Amino acid sequence: MTPSSQAEAVAALLREALADPGTAWSLGSFGAIAEFMRDPDEAVTALPDDRMGMATERGAIALTACPDLRPVAYETAVASGWNHAIALCLPQDACAMSRRGVVTELGPDRDAARGRDQDAILFDLGLDLLAVDACVRTSDPEAIACLRSGVGQPLFDHANPIGRQLVALSPHRVFLAQAGRIEVYAPIPGPGGTSPEGPHTHVLPKLLRSGRTHAATTPIPTGWVPCAGLHPAHPYKDMMGQRIDFDAKRYAAFQDLLDRWGDPELLAVKRGGEHRPDSLVSSRHAQAARRVAEVQARYLRGEVIEADIEADEDEAVTDHA
């Protein structure tokens, strides 16, 4: 496939996924991620420029099909089931963002997904992530003053006043990557709260300290870094992770995506092929592929039992880009 035809195929994948309200999106790194999703009947508005995407009253997504953008479709084994996604990857030497290590004021967000937010002030939280800038944005004078009081300091420094007030202020969260952005407008849940249905963010300091770009269970090819991902409708759970009746059409739809965008070696292992010692696929990922194949066969035969469902719902692993 020529570079131009590859770029066209990637752009088509993004457009088709954006048109499907059953597809959720993520943008971020291991420990810091923004998620965008919408209801089928939710009102959407177009972006003010030629980027792909949309805005709702709860959040927005804006994407650019970078020339080097590579979709990587994959499945990961969890308890008695599996997760699936398509990671949007860039070469390691082409994915870098600002790498700021302290809170930094960036000025008006002229690239905001809605025109009414383009004069609001954007602040980089300074998480020093390779492929993502995790930012917040606000036009509220009190929130701007608070954020400015923490400029030049690490976000999680005990002396930084931002951390104590960020939940109460609940500015927009704006996560940026070379491939685009996700914006979240919903309030930040307080201590002990749960993420709202719809667009939301997670920033988990313990995971950030690992310095990883993605979970070890995610089979990303060497030399590539995931900066975003799309999450097509899953066969046995809804967008919020709740159990639904197994949907064979959803299963088949992702298998088609896996054929088109998955790792051929990993696909061969999943389908019974030998895992060669010189393979670029790790033994961990090969073993997981076999587990996924086994449990999918059980679902297709209708053999999943209640104990399996409870085990899967207790699984706390999340495989994001």
C-alpha atoms as a PDB file:
ATOM      1  CA  MET A   1       0.000   0.000   0.000  1.00  0.00           C
ATOM      2  CA  THR A   2       1.366   3.435  -0.940  1.00  0.00           C
ATOM      3  CA  PRO A   3       1.712   6.138   1.734  1.00  0.00           C
ATOM      4  CA  SER A   4      -1.137   8.136   0.203  1.00  0.00           C
ATOM      5  CA  SER A   5      -3.503   5.155   0.070  1.00  0.00           C
ATOM      6  CA  GLN A   6      -2.545   4.235   3.645  1.00  0.00           C
ATOM      7  CA  ALA A   7      -3.342   7.784   4.789  1.00  0.00           C
ATOM      8  CA  GLU A   8      -6.684   7.631   3.002  1.00  0.00           C
ATOM      9  CA  ALA A   9      -7.507   4.311   4.649  1.00  0.00           C
ATOM     10  CA  VAL A  10      -6.665   5.700   8.093  1.00  0.00           C
ATOM     11  CA  ALA A  11      -8.767   8.810   7.494  1.00  0.00           C
ATOM     12  CA  ALA A  12     -11.670   6.616   6.366  1.00  0.00           C
ATOM     13  CA  LEU A  13     -11.350   4.513   9.532  1.00  0.00           C
ATOM     14  CA  LEU A  14     -11.502   7.651  11.697  1.00  0.00           C
ATOM     15  CA  ARG A  15     -14.469   9.126   9.836  1.00  0.00           C
ATOM     16  CA  GLU A  16     -16.457   5.883  10.017  1.00  0.00           C
ATOM     17  CA  ALA A  17     -15.756   5.507  13.736  1.00  0.00           C
ATOM     18  CA  LEU A  18     -16.694   9.129  14.450  1.00  0.00           C
ATOM     19  CA  ALA A  19     -20.014   8.595  12.669  1.00  0.00           C
ATOM     20  CA  ASP A  20     -20.812   5.629  14.943  1.00  0.00           C
ATOM     21  CA  PRO A  21     -22.184   6.653  18.384  1.00  0.00           C
ATOM     22  CA  GLY A  22     -21.381   3.133  19.586  1.00  0.00           C
ATOM     23  CA  THR A  23     -17.643   3.870  19.349  1.00  0.00           C
ATOM     24  CA  ALA A  24     -15.887   5.484  22.315  1.00  0.00           C
ATOM     25  CA  TRP A  25     -12.555   7.310  22.119  1.00  0.00           C
ATOM     26  CA  SER A  26      -9.575   7.823  24.382  1.00  0.00           C
ATOM     27  CA  LEU A  27      -6.523  10.041  24.261  1.00  0.00           C
ATOM     28  CA  GLY A  28      -3.741   9.895  26.785  1.00  0.00           C
ATOM     29  CA  SER A  29      -1.001   7.845  28.344  1.00  0.00           C
ATOM     30  CA  PHE A  30      -0.678   5.245  31.093  1.00  0.00           C
ATOM     31  CA  GLY A  31      -2.150   6.957  34.153  1.00  0.00           C
ATOM     32  CA  ALA A  32      -3.610  10.033  32.423  1.00  0.00           C
ATOM     33  CA  ILE A  33      -6.402   9.645  29.913  1.00  0.00           C
ATOM     34  CA  ALA A  34      -9.386  11.515  28.519  1.00  0.00           C
ATOM     35  CA  GLU A  35     -12.376   9.656  27.126  1.00  0.00           C
ATOM     36  CA  PHE A  36     -15.074  10.843  24.734  1.00  0.00           C
ATOM     37  CA  MET A  37     -18.390   9.143  24.057  1.00  0.00           C
ATOM     38  CA  ARG A  38     -21.878  10.235  23.090  1.00  0.00           C
ATOM     39  CA  ASP A  39     -25.431   8.971  23.139  1.00  0.00           C
ATOM     40  CA  PRO A  40     -27.100   8.025  19.830  1.00  0.00           C
ATOM     41  CA  ASP A  41     -29.627  10.871  20.170  1.00  0.00           C
ATOM     42  CA  GLU A  42     -27.215  13.434  21.642  1.00  0.00           C
ATOM     43  CA  ALA A  43     -26.966  16.761  19.830  1.00  0.00           C
ATOM     44  CA  VAL A  44     -23.586  17.380  18.195  1.00  0.00           C
ATOM     45  CA  THR A  45     -22.042  20.450  16.584  1.00  0.00           C
ATOM     46  CA  ALA A  46     -19.412  20.565  13.868  1.00  0.00           C
ATOM     47  CA  LEU A  47     -15.900  21.801  14.531  1.00  0.00           C
ATOM     48  CA  PRO A  48     -15.007  25.353  13.454  1.00  0.00           C
ATOM     49  CA  ASP A  49     -12.287  24.120  11.069  1.00  0.00           C
ATOM     50  CA  ASP A  50     -11.383  21.159   8.851  1.00  0.00           C
ATOM     51  CA  ARG A  51     -10.432  18.712  11.618  1.00  0.00           C
ATOM     52  CA  MET A  52     -12.443  15.523  11.959  1.00  0.00           C
ATOM     53  CA  GLY A  53     -14.654  15.361  15.010  1.00  0.00           C
ATOM     54  CA  MET A  54     -17.524  16.966  16.866  1.00  0.00           C
ATOM     55  CA  ALA A  55     -18.582  18.682  20.075  1.00  0.00           C
ATOM     56  CA  THR A  56     -21.454  17.986  22.447  1.00  0.00           C
ATOM     57  CA  GLU A  57     -22.478  19.775  25.642  1.00  0.00           C
ATOM     58  CA  ARG A  58     -20.407  17.201  27.585  1.00  0.00           C
ATOM     59  CA  GLY A  59     -17.184  17.099  25.585  1.00  0.00           C
ATOM     60  CA  ALA A  60     -15.508  17.160  22.203  1.00  0.00           C
ATOM     61  CA  ILE A  61     -13.068  15.315  19.975  1.00  0.00           C
ATOM     62  CA  ALA A  62     -10.953  16.778  17.171  1.00  0.00           C
ATOM     63  CA  LEU A  63      -8.622  14.591  15.121  1.00  0.00           C
ATOM     64  CA  THR A  64      -6.017  15.022  12.409  1.00  0.00           C
ATOM     65  CA  ALA A  65      -4.879  12.040  10.357  1.00  0.00           C
ATOM     66  CA  CYS A  66      -1.111  12.547  10.687  1.00  0.00           C
ATOM     67  CA  PRO A  67       0.905  11.046   7.797  1.00  0.00           C
ATOM     68  CA  ASP A  68       2.614   8.536  10.118  1.00  0.00           C
ATOM     69  CA  LEU A  69      -0.496   7.594  12.104  1.00  0.00           C
ATOM     70  CA  ARG A  70      -0.794   3.799  12.402  1.00  0.00           C
ATOM     71  CA  PRO A  71      -3.912   2.069  13.730  1.00  0.00           C
ATOM     72  CA  VAL A  72      -3.149  -1.093  15.708  1.00  0.00           C
ATOM     73  CA  ALA A  73      -6.192  -3.262  16.440  1.00  0.00           C
ATOM     74  CA  TYR A  74      -5.799  -5.621  19.381  1.00  0.00           C
ATOM     75  CA  GLU A  75      -7.552  -7.726  21.997  1.00  0.00           C
ATOM     76  CA  THR A  76      -6.443  -8.291  25.579  1.00  0.00           C
ATOM     77  CA  ALA A  77      -7.468 -11.060  27.959  1.00  0.00           C
ATOM     78  CA  VAL A  78      -9.266 -10.108  31.200  1.00  0.00           C
ATOM     79  CA  ALA A  79     -10.564 -12.640  33.731  1.00  0.00           C
ATOM     80  CA  SER A  80     -13.073 -14.728  31.744  1.00  0.00           C
ATOM     81  CA  GLY A  81     -13.421 -12.289  28.860  1.00  0.00           C
ATOM     82  CA  TRP A  82     -11.556  -9.779  26.768  1.00  0.00           C
ATOM     83  CA  ASN A  83     -11.223  -6.107  25.880  1.00  0.00           C
ATOM     84  CA  HIS A  84     -10.666  -4.750  22.404  1.00  0.00           C
ATOM     85  CA  ALA A  85      -9.574  -1.452  20.883  1.00  0.00           C
ATOM     86  CA  ILE A  86      -7.662   0.166  18.044  1.00  0.00           C
ATOM     87  CA  ALA A  87      -4.655   2.139  19.266  1.00  0.00           C
ATOM     88  CA  LEU A  88      -3.692   5.157  17.165  1.00  0.00           C
ATOM     89  CA  CYS A  89       0.100   5.067  17.187  1.00  0.00           C
ATOM     90  CA  LEU A  90       2.936   7.279  16.000  1.00  0.00           C
ATOM     91  CA  PRO A  91       6.624   6.456  15.626  1.00  0.00           C
ATOM     92  CA  GLN A  92       8.500   7.074  18.854  1.00  0.00           C
ATOM     93  CA  ASP A  93      10.540   9.861  17.249  1.00  0.00           C
ATOM     94  CA  ALA A  94       7.419  11.626  15.910  1.00  0.00           C
ATOM     95  CA  CYS A  95       4.977  11.475  18.826  1.00  0.00           C
ATOM     96  CA  ALA A  96       6.566  13.852  21.350  1.00  0.00           C
ATOM     97  CA  MET A  97       4.613  16.735  22.810  1.00  0.00           C
ATOM     98  CA  SER A  98       5.918  19.514  25.072  1.00  0.00           C
ATOM     99  CA  ARG A  99       7.216  17.364  28.005  1.00  0.00           C
ATOM    100  CA  ARG A 100       6.596  20.238  30.449  1.00  0.00           C
ATOM    101  CA  GLY A 101       7.263  19.248  34.058  1.00  0.00           C
ATOM    102  CA  VAL A 102       5.540  22.152  35.824  1.00  0.00           C
ATOM    103  CA  VAL A 103       2.183  23.892  35.522  1.00  0.00           C
ATOM    104  CA  THR A 104       2.430  26.316  32.599  1.00  0.00           C
ATOM    105  CA  GLU A 105       0.025  28.968  31.300  1.00  0.00           C
ATOM    106  CA  LEU A 106      -0.378  28.624  27.519  1.00  0.00           C
ATOM    107  CA  GLY A 107      -2.766  31.500  26.793  1.00  0.00           C
ATOM    108  CA  PRO A 108      -6.097  31.459  24.922  1.00  0.00           C
ATOM    109  CA  ASP A 109      -7.047  28.091  23.462  1.00  0.00           C
ATOM    110  CA  ARG A 110      -7.429  29.139  19.826  1.00  0.00           C
ATOM    111  CA  ASP A 111      -7.765  25.492  18.736  1.00  0.00           C
ATOM    112  CA  ALA A 112     -10.753  24.804  20.995  1.00  0.00           C
ATOM    113  CA  ALA A 113     -13.405  22.530  19.499  1.00  0.00           C
ATOM    114  CA  ARG A 114     -16.098  25.157  20.128  1.00  0.00           C
ATOM    115  CA  GLY A 115     -15.810  28.787  19.123  1.00  0.00           C
ATOM    116  CA  ARG A 116     -17.097  29.962  22.502  1.00  0.00           C
ATOM    117  CA  ASP A 117     -14.088  28.371  24.259  1.00  0.00           C
ATOM    118  CA  GLN A 118     -11.364  29.880  22.072  1.00  0.00           C
ATOM    119  CA  ASP A 119     -10.763  32.839  24.405  1.00  0.00           C
ATOM    120  CA  ALA A 120     -10.580  30.668  27.538  1.00  0.00           C
ATOM    121  CA  ILE A 121      -7.121  30.252  29.071  1.00  0.00           C
ATOM    122  CA  LEU A 122      -5.301  26.933  28.668  1.00  0.00           C
ATOM    123  CA  PHE A 123      -2.910  25.616  31.325  1.00  0.00           C
ATOM    124  CA  ASP A 124      -0.605  22.612  30.872  1.00  0.00           C
ATOM    125  CA  LEU A 125      -0.634  20.574  34.111  1.00  0.00           C
ATOM    126  CA  GLY A 126       3.030  19.670  33.585  1.00  0.00           C
ATOM    127  CA  LEU A 127       2.775  15.877  33.802  1.00  0.00           C
ATOM    128  CA  ASP A 128       5.842  15.397  31.544  1.00  0.00           C
ATOM    129  CA  LEU A 129       4.222  12.726  29.383  1.00  0.00           C
ATOM    130  CA  LEU A 130       5.902  11.730  26.137  1.00  0.00           C
ATOM    131  CA  ALA A 131       2.988  11.806  23.697  1.00  0.00           C
ATOM    132  CA  VAL A 132       0.302  13.813  25.517  1.00  0.00           C
ATOM    133  CA  ASP A 133      -0.101  17.247  27.082  1.00  0.00           C
ATOM    134  CA  ALA A 134      -2.713  17.057  29.857  1.00  0.00           C
ATOM    135  CA  CYS A 135      -4.224  20.526  30.191  1.00  0.00           C
ATOM    136  CA  VAL A 136      -7.118  22.368  31.779  1.00  0.00           C
ATOM    137  CA  ARG A 137      -8.974  25.369  30.430  1.00  0.00           C
ATOM    138  CA  THR A 138     -11.181  28.016  31.976  1.00  0.00           C
ATOM    139  CA  SER A 139     -12.600  31.496  31.491  1.00  0.00           C
ATOM    140  CA  ASP A 140     -13.636  31.855  35.145  1.00  0.00           C
ATOM    141  CA  PRO A 141     -11.572  34.611  36.845  1.00  0.00           C
ATOM    142  CA  GLU A 142     -11.384  32.731  40.163  1.00  0.00           C
ATOM    143  CA  ALA A 143     -10.193  29.558  38.481  1.00  0.00           C
ATOM    144  CA  ILE A 144      -7.665  31.448  36.357  1.00  0.00           C
ATOM    145  CA  ALA A 145      -6.252  33.113  39.487  1.00  0.00           C
ATOM    146  CA  CYS A 146      -5.943  29.744  41.236  1.00  0.00           C
ATOM    147  CA  LEU A 147      -4.223  28.132  38.285  1.00  0.00           C
ATOM    148  CA  ARG A 148      -1.854  31.053  37.881  1.00  0.00           C
ATOM    149  CA  SER A 149      -0.888  30.737  41.557  1.00  0.00           C
ATOM    150  CA  GLY A 150       0.487  27.277  40.792  1.00  0.00           C
ATOM    151  CA  VAL A 151       2.367  28.139  37.593  1.00  0.00           C
ATOM    152  CA  GLY A 152       6.004  27.042  37.680  1.00  0.00           C
ATOM    153  CA  GLN A 153       5.394  24.289  40.257  1.00  0.00           C
ATOM    154  CA  PRO A 154       4.819  20.540  39.806  1.00  0.00           C
ATOM    155  CA  LEU A 155       1.106  19.766  40.013  1.00  0.00           C
ATOM    156  CA  PHE A 156       1.483  17.194  42.796  1.00  0.00           C
ATOM    157  CA  ASP A 157       3.828  19.306  44.949  1.00  0.00           C
ATOM    158  CA  HIS A 158       2.235  19.772  48.382  1.00  0.00           C
ATOM    159  CA  ALA A 159       2.990  23.483  48.158  1.00  0.00           C
ATOM    160  CA  ASN A 160       1.054  23.870  44.915  1.00  0.00           C
ATOM    161  CA  PRO A 161      -2.375  25.381  45.711  1.00  0.00           C
ATOM    162  CA  ILE A 162      -3.975  23.982  42.549  1.00  0.00           C
ATOM    163  CA  GLY A 163      -4.300  20.410  43.768  1.00  0.00           C
ATOM    164  CA  ARG A 164      -6.462  21.385  46.749  1.00  0.00           C
ATOM    165  CA  GLN A 165      -8.945  23.329  44.610  1.00  0.00           C
ATOM    166  CA  LEU A 166      -8.977  21.620  41.214  1.00  0.00           C
ATOM    167  CA  VAL A 167     -12.014  19.414  41.936  1.00  0.00           C
ATOM    168  CA  ALA A 168     -14.080  22.342  43.212  1.00  0.00           C
ATOM    169  CA  LEU A 169     -13.113  24.555  40.265  1.00  0.00           C
ATOM    170  CA  SER A 170     -13.667  21.759  37.707  1.00  0.00           C
ATOM    171  CA  PRO A 171     -12.167  23.499  34.679  1.00  0.00           C
ATOM    172  CA  HIS A 172     -12.482  21.886  31.277  1.00  0.00           C
ATOM    173  CA  ARG A 173      -9.921  19.143  30.773  1.00  0.00           C
ATOM    174  CA  VAL A 174      -8.157  19.296  27.413  1.00  0.00           C
ATOM    175  CA  PHE A 175      -5.812  16.468  26.438  1.00  0.00           C
ATOM    176  CA  LEU A 176      -3.608  17.132  23.410  1.00  0.00           C
ATOM    177  CA  ALA A 177      -1.587  14.830  21.127  1.00  0.00           C
ATOM    178  CA  GLN A 178      -0.071  15.082  17.684  1.00  0.00           C
ATOM    179  CA  ALA A 179      -3.171  13.327  16.342  1.00  0.00           C
ATOM    180  CA  GLY A 180      -5.685  15.672  17.958  1.00  0.00           C
ATOM    181  CA  ARG A 181      -7.465  16.417  21.209  1.00  0.00           C
ATOM    182  CA  ILE A 182     -10.277  15.386  23.536  1.00  0.00           C
ATOM    183  CA  GLU A 183     -12.057  17.971  25.665  1.00  0.00           C
ATOM    184  CA  VAL A 184     -14.155  17.128  28.736  1.00  0.00           C
ATOM    185  CA  TYR A 185     -16.625  19.608  30.200  1.00  0.00           C
ATOM    186  CA  ALA A 186     -18.266  17.506  32.957  1.00  0.00           C
ATOM    187  CA  PRO A 187     -17.368  18.319  36.588  1.00  0.00           C
ATOM    188  CA  ILE A 188     -14.476  16.425  38.178  1.00  0.00           C
ATOM    189  CA  PRO A 189     -15.827  13.827  40.670  1.00  0.00           C
ATOM    190  CA  GLY A 190     -14.929  14.501  44.292  1.00  0.00           C
ATOM    191  CA  PRO A 191     -13.149  12.045  46.628  1.00  0.00           C
ATOM    192  CA  GLY A 192     -14.926   8.712  46.494  1.00  0.00           C
ATOM    193  CA  GLY A 193     -16.984   9.838  43.508  1.00  0.00           C
ATOM    194  CA  THR A 194     -17.382   7.915  40.296  1.00  0.00           C
ATOM    195  CA  SER A 195     -16.744   9.033  36.744  1.00  0.00           C
ATOM    196  CA  PRO A 196     -19.864  10.404  35.062  1.00  0.00           C
ATOM    197  CA  GLU A 197     -21.488   8.688  32.120  1.00  0.00           C
ATOM    198  CA  GLY A 198     -20.094  10.276  29.003  1.00  0.00           C
ATOM    199  CA  PRO A 199     -16.800  12.154  28.528  1.00  0.00           C
ATOM    200  CA  HIS A 200     -14.464  12.033  31.522  1.00  0.00           C
ATOM    201  CA  THR A 201     -10.797  11.959  32.517  1.00  0.00           C
ATOM    202  CA  HIS A 202      -8.552   9.963  34.831  1.00  0.00           C
ATOM    203  CA  VAL A 203      -5.249  11.189  36.273  1.00  0.00           C
ATOM    204  CA  LEU A 204      -3.670   8.561  38.523  1.00  0.00           C
ATOM    205  CA  PRO A 205      -0.319   9.605  40.048  1.00  0.00           C
ATOM    206  CA  LYS A 206       0.649   6.049  41.034  1.00  0.00           C
ATOM    207  CA  LEU A 207       0.407   4.873  37.422  1.00  0.00           C
ATOM    208  CA  LEU A 208       2.107   8.008  36.114  1.00  0.00           C
ATOM    209  CA  ARG A 209       5.176   7.221  38.206  1.00  0.00           C
ATOM    210  CA  SER A 210       5.754   4.079  36.144  1.00  0.00           C
ATOM    211  CA  GLY A 211       6.725   6.209  33.141  1.00  0.00           C
ATOM    212  CA  ARG A 212       4.956   3.809  30.771  1.00  0.00           C
ATOM    213  CA  THR A 213       3.156   4.969  27.639  1.00  0.00           C
ATOM    214  CA  HIS A 214       0.688   2.056  27.769  1.00  0.00           C
ATOM    215  CA  ALA A 215      -0.255  -0.994  29.791  1.00  0.00           C
ATOM    216  CA  ALA A 216       2.070  -3.985  29.509  1.00  0.00           C
ATOM    217  CA  THR A 217      -0.891  -6.077  28.350  1.00  0.00           C
ATOM    218  CA  THR A 218      -1.360  -3.906  25.248  1.00  0.00           C
ATOM    219  CA  PRO A 219       0.557  -5.375  22.256  1.00  0.00           C
ATOM    220  CA  ILE A 220       1.974  -2.231  20.668  1.00  0.00           C
ATOM    221  CA  PRO A 221       4.725  -2.867  18.079  1.00  0.00           C
ATOM    222  CA  THR A 222       8.262  -1.909  19.085  1.00  0.00           C
ATOM    223  CA  GLY A 223       9.161   1.651  18.115  1.00  0.00           C
ATOM    224  CA  TRP A 224       5.550   2.865  18.147  1.00  0.00           C
ATOM    225  CA  VAL A 225       3.721   4.858  20.809  1.00  0.00           C
ATOM    226  CA  PRO A 226      -0.073   4.927  21.263  1.00  0.00           C
ATOM    227  CA  CYS A 227      -1.416   8.432  21.779  1.00  0.00           C
ATOM    228  CA  ALA A 228      -5.133   7.824  21.245  1.00  0.00           C
ATOM    229  CA  GLY A 229      -7.535   5.002  20.632  1.00  0.00           C
ATOM    230  CA  LEU A 230     -10.972   4.094  19.409  1.00  0.00           C
ATOM    231  CA  HIS A 231     -13.117   1.539  21.175  1.00  0.00           C
ATOM    232  CA  PRO A 232     -15.786  -0.026  18.942  1.00  0.00           C
ATOM    233  CA  ALA A 233     -18.941  -1.500  20.452  1.00  0.00           C
ATOM    234  CA  HIS A 234     -18.082  -4.595  22.491  1.00  0.00           C
ATOM    235  CA  PRO A 235     -19.937  -7.905  22.050  1.00  0.00           C
ATOM    236  CA  TYR A 236     -20.902  -8.446  25.692  1.00  0.00           C
ATOM    237  CA  LYS A 237     -20.738  -5.081  27.482  1.00  0.00           C
ATOM    238  CA  ASP A 238     -21.975  -1.557  26.898  1.00  0.00           C
ATOM    239  CA  MET A 239     -19.951   1.653  26.763  1.00  0.00           C
ATOM    240  CA  MET A 240     -19.913   1.942  30.584  1.00  0.00           C
ATOM    241  CA  GLY A 241     -18.752  -1.649  31.015  1.00  0.00           C
ATOM    242  CA  GLN A 242     -22.125  -3.107  32.041  1.00  0.00           C
ATOM    243  CA  ARG A 243     -23.028  -6.604  30.892  1.00  0.00           C
ATOM    244  CA  ILE A 244     -25.315  -7.041  27.865  1.00  0.00           C
ATOM    245  CA  ASP A 245     -26.421 -10.128  25.944  1.00  0.00           C
ATOM    246  CA  PHE A 246     -23.686 -11.370  23.631  1.00  0.00           C
ATOM    247  CA  ASP A 247     -23.956  -9.679  20.228  1.00  0.00           C
ATOM    248  CA  ALA A 248     -22.461 -11.792  17.444  1.00  0.00           C
ATOM    249  CA  LYS A 249     -22.652  -8.909  14.952  1.00  0.00           C
ATOM    250  CA  ARG A 250     -20.493  -6.722  17.185  1.00  0.00           C
ATOM    251  CA  TYR A 251     -18.054  -9.598  17.547  1.00  0.00           C
ATOM    252  CA  ALA A 252     -17.825 -10.084  13.777  1.00  0.00           C
ATOM    253  CA  ALA A 253     -17.442  -6.339  13.153  1.00  0.00           C
ATOM    254  CA  PHE A 254     -14.350  -6.127  15.346  1.00  0.00           C
ATOM    255  CA  GLN A 255     -12.867  -9.279  13.873  1.00  0.00           C
ATOM    256  CA  ASP A 256     -13.004  -7.517  10.493  1.00  0.00           C
ATOM    257  CA  LEU A 257     -11.128  -4.568  11.996  1.00  0.00           C
ATOM    258  CA  LEU A 258      -8.627  -6.964  13.532  1.00  0.00           C
ATOM    259  CA  ASP A 259      -8.010  -8.548  10.123  1.00  0.00           C
ATOM    260  CA  ARG A 260      -7.386  -5.097   8.613  1.00  0.00           C
ATOM    261  CA  TRP A 261      -5.428  -3.376  11.361  1.00  0.00           C
ATOM    262  CA  GLY A 262      -4.144  -6.099  13.690  1.00  0.00           C
ATOM    263  CA  ASP A 263      -0.653  -7.586  13.965  1.00  0.00           C
ATOM    264  CA  PRO A 264      -0.521 -10.474  11.436  1.00  0.00           C
ATOM    265  CA  GLU A 265       1.806 -12.533  13.618  1.00  0.00           C
ATOM    266  CA  LEU A 266      -0.430 -12.179  16.638  1.00  0.00           C
ATOM    267  CA  LEU A 267      -3.480 -13.022  14.554  1.00  0.00           C
ATOM    268  CA  ALA A 268      -1.763 -16.169  13.309  1.00  0.00           C
ATOM    269  CA  VAL A 269      -1.030 -17.245  16.895  1.00  0.00           C
ATOM    270  CA  LYS A 270      -4.631 -16.563  17.907  1.00  0.00           C
ATOM    271  CA  ARG A 271      -5.815 -18.803  15.099  1.00  0.00           C
ATOM    272  CA  GLY A 272      -3.665 -21.715  16.176  1.00  0.00           C
ATOM    273  CA  GLY A 273      -0.338 -20.877  14.594  1.00  0.00           C
ATOM    274  CA  GLU A 274       3.006 -21.542  16.255  1.00  0.00           C
ATOM    275  CA  HIS A 275       4.709 -18.796  18.275  1.00  0.00           C
ATOM    276  CA  ARG A 276       8.218 -18.834  16.834  1.00  0.00           C
ATOM    277  CA  PRO A 277      11.188 -18.055  19.114  1.00  0.00           C
ATOM    278  CA  ASP A 278      12.341 -15.307  16.706  1.00  0.00           C
ATOM    279  CA  SER A 279       8.896 -13.691  16.538  1.00  0.00           C
ATOM    280  CA  LEU A 280       8.492  -9.983  17.314  1.00  0.00           C
ATOM    281  CA  VAL A 281       5.378 -10.930  19.268  1.00  0.00           C
ATOM    282  CA  SER A 282       6.167 -11.485  22.967  1.00  0.00           C
ATOM    283  CA  SER A 283       5.264 -14.772  24.610  1.00  0.00           C
ATOM    284  CA  ARG A 284       3.025 -12.836  27.014  1.00  0.00           C
ATOM    285  CA  HIS A 285       0.958 -11.379  24.198  1.00  0.00           C
ATOM    286  CA  ALA A 286       0.899 -14.698  22.337  1.00  0.00           C
ATOM    287  CA  GLN A 287      -0.455 -16.462  25.421  1.00  0.00           C
ATOM    288  CA  ALA A 288      -3.092 -13.749  25.869  1.00  0.00           C
ATOM    289  CA  ALA A 289      -4.172 -14.124  22.217  1.00  0.00           C
ATOM    290  CA  ARG A 290      -4.728 -17.833  22.752  1.00  0.00           C
ATOM    291  CA  ARG A 291      -6.770 -17.142  25.900  1.00  0.00           C
ATOM    292  CA  VAL A 292      -8.921 -14.654  23.993  1.00  0.00           C
ATOM    293  CA  ALA A 293      -9.522 -17.188  21.221  1.00  0.00           C
ATOM    294  CA  GLU A 294     -10.597 -19.809  23.756  1.00  0.00           C
ATOM    295  CA  VAL A 295     -13.065 -17.589  25.598  1.00  0.00           C
ATOM    296  CA  GLN A 296     -14.472 -16.157  22.382  1.00  0.00           C
ATOM    297  CA  ALA A 297     -15.170 -19.693  21.195  1.00  0.00           C
ATOM    298  CA  ARG A 298     -17.093 -20.303  24.430  1.00  0.00           C
ATOM    299  CA  TYR A 299     -19.174 -17.159  23.929  1.00  0.00           C
ATOM    300  CA  LEU A 300     -19.914 -18.143  20.343  1.00  0.00           C
ATOM    301  CA  ARG A 301     -21.067 -21.555  21.553  1.00  0.00           C
ATOM    302  CA  GLY A 302     -23.203 -19.938  24.284  1.00  0.00           C
ATOM    303  CA  GLU A 303     -21.293 -21.684  27.073  1.00  0.00           C
ATOM    304  CA  VAL A 304     -20.546 -18.695  29.355  1.00  0.00           C
ATOM    305  CA  ILE A 305     -21.970 -19.243  32.840  1.00  0.00           C
ATOM    306  CA  GLU A 306     -22.892 -16.865  35.680  1.00  0.00           C
ATOM    307  CA  ALA A 307     -19.632 -17.476  37.561  1.00  0.00           C
ATOM    308  CA  ASP A 308     -17.692 -16.336  34.504  1.00  0.00           C
ATOM    309  CA  ILE A 309     -19.758 -13.149  34.299  1.00  0.00           C
ATOM    310  CA  GLU A 310     -19.129 -12.296  37.958  1.00  0.00           C
ATOM    311  CA  ALA A 311     -15.395 -12.902  37.562  1.00  0.00           C
ATOM    312  CA  ASP A 312     -15.249 -10.665  34.522  1.00  0.00           C
ATOM    313  CA  GLU A 313     -17.171  -7.854  36.230  1.00  0.00           C
ATOM    314  CA  ASP A 314     -14.714  -7.987  39.123  1.00  0.00           C
ATOM    315  CA  GLU A 315     -11.789  -7.505  36.733  1.00  0.00           C
ATOM    316  CA  ALA A 316     -10.284  -4.052  37.347  1.00  0.00           C
ATOM    317  CA  VAL A 317      -7.864  -3.921  34.426  1.00  0.00           C
ATOM    318  CA  THR A 318      -8.507  -1.224  31.824  1.00  0.00           C
ATOM    319  CA  ASP A 319      -6.639  -1.354  28.509  1.00  0.00           C
ATOM    320  CA  HIS A 320      -6.537   2.137  27.060  1.00  0.00           C
ATOM    321  CA  ALA A 321      -4.220   3.734  24.531  1.00  0.00           C
END
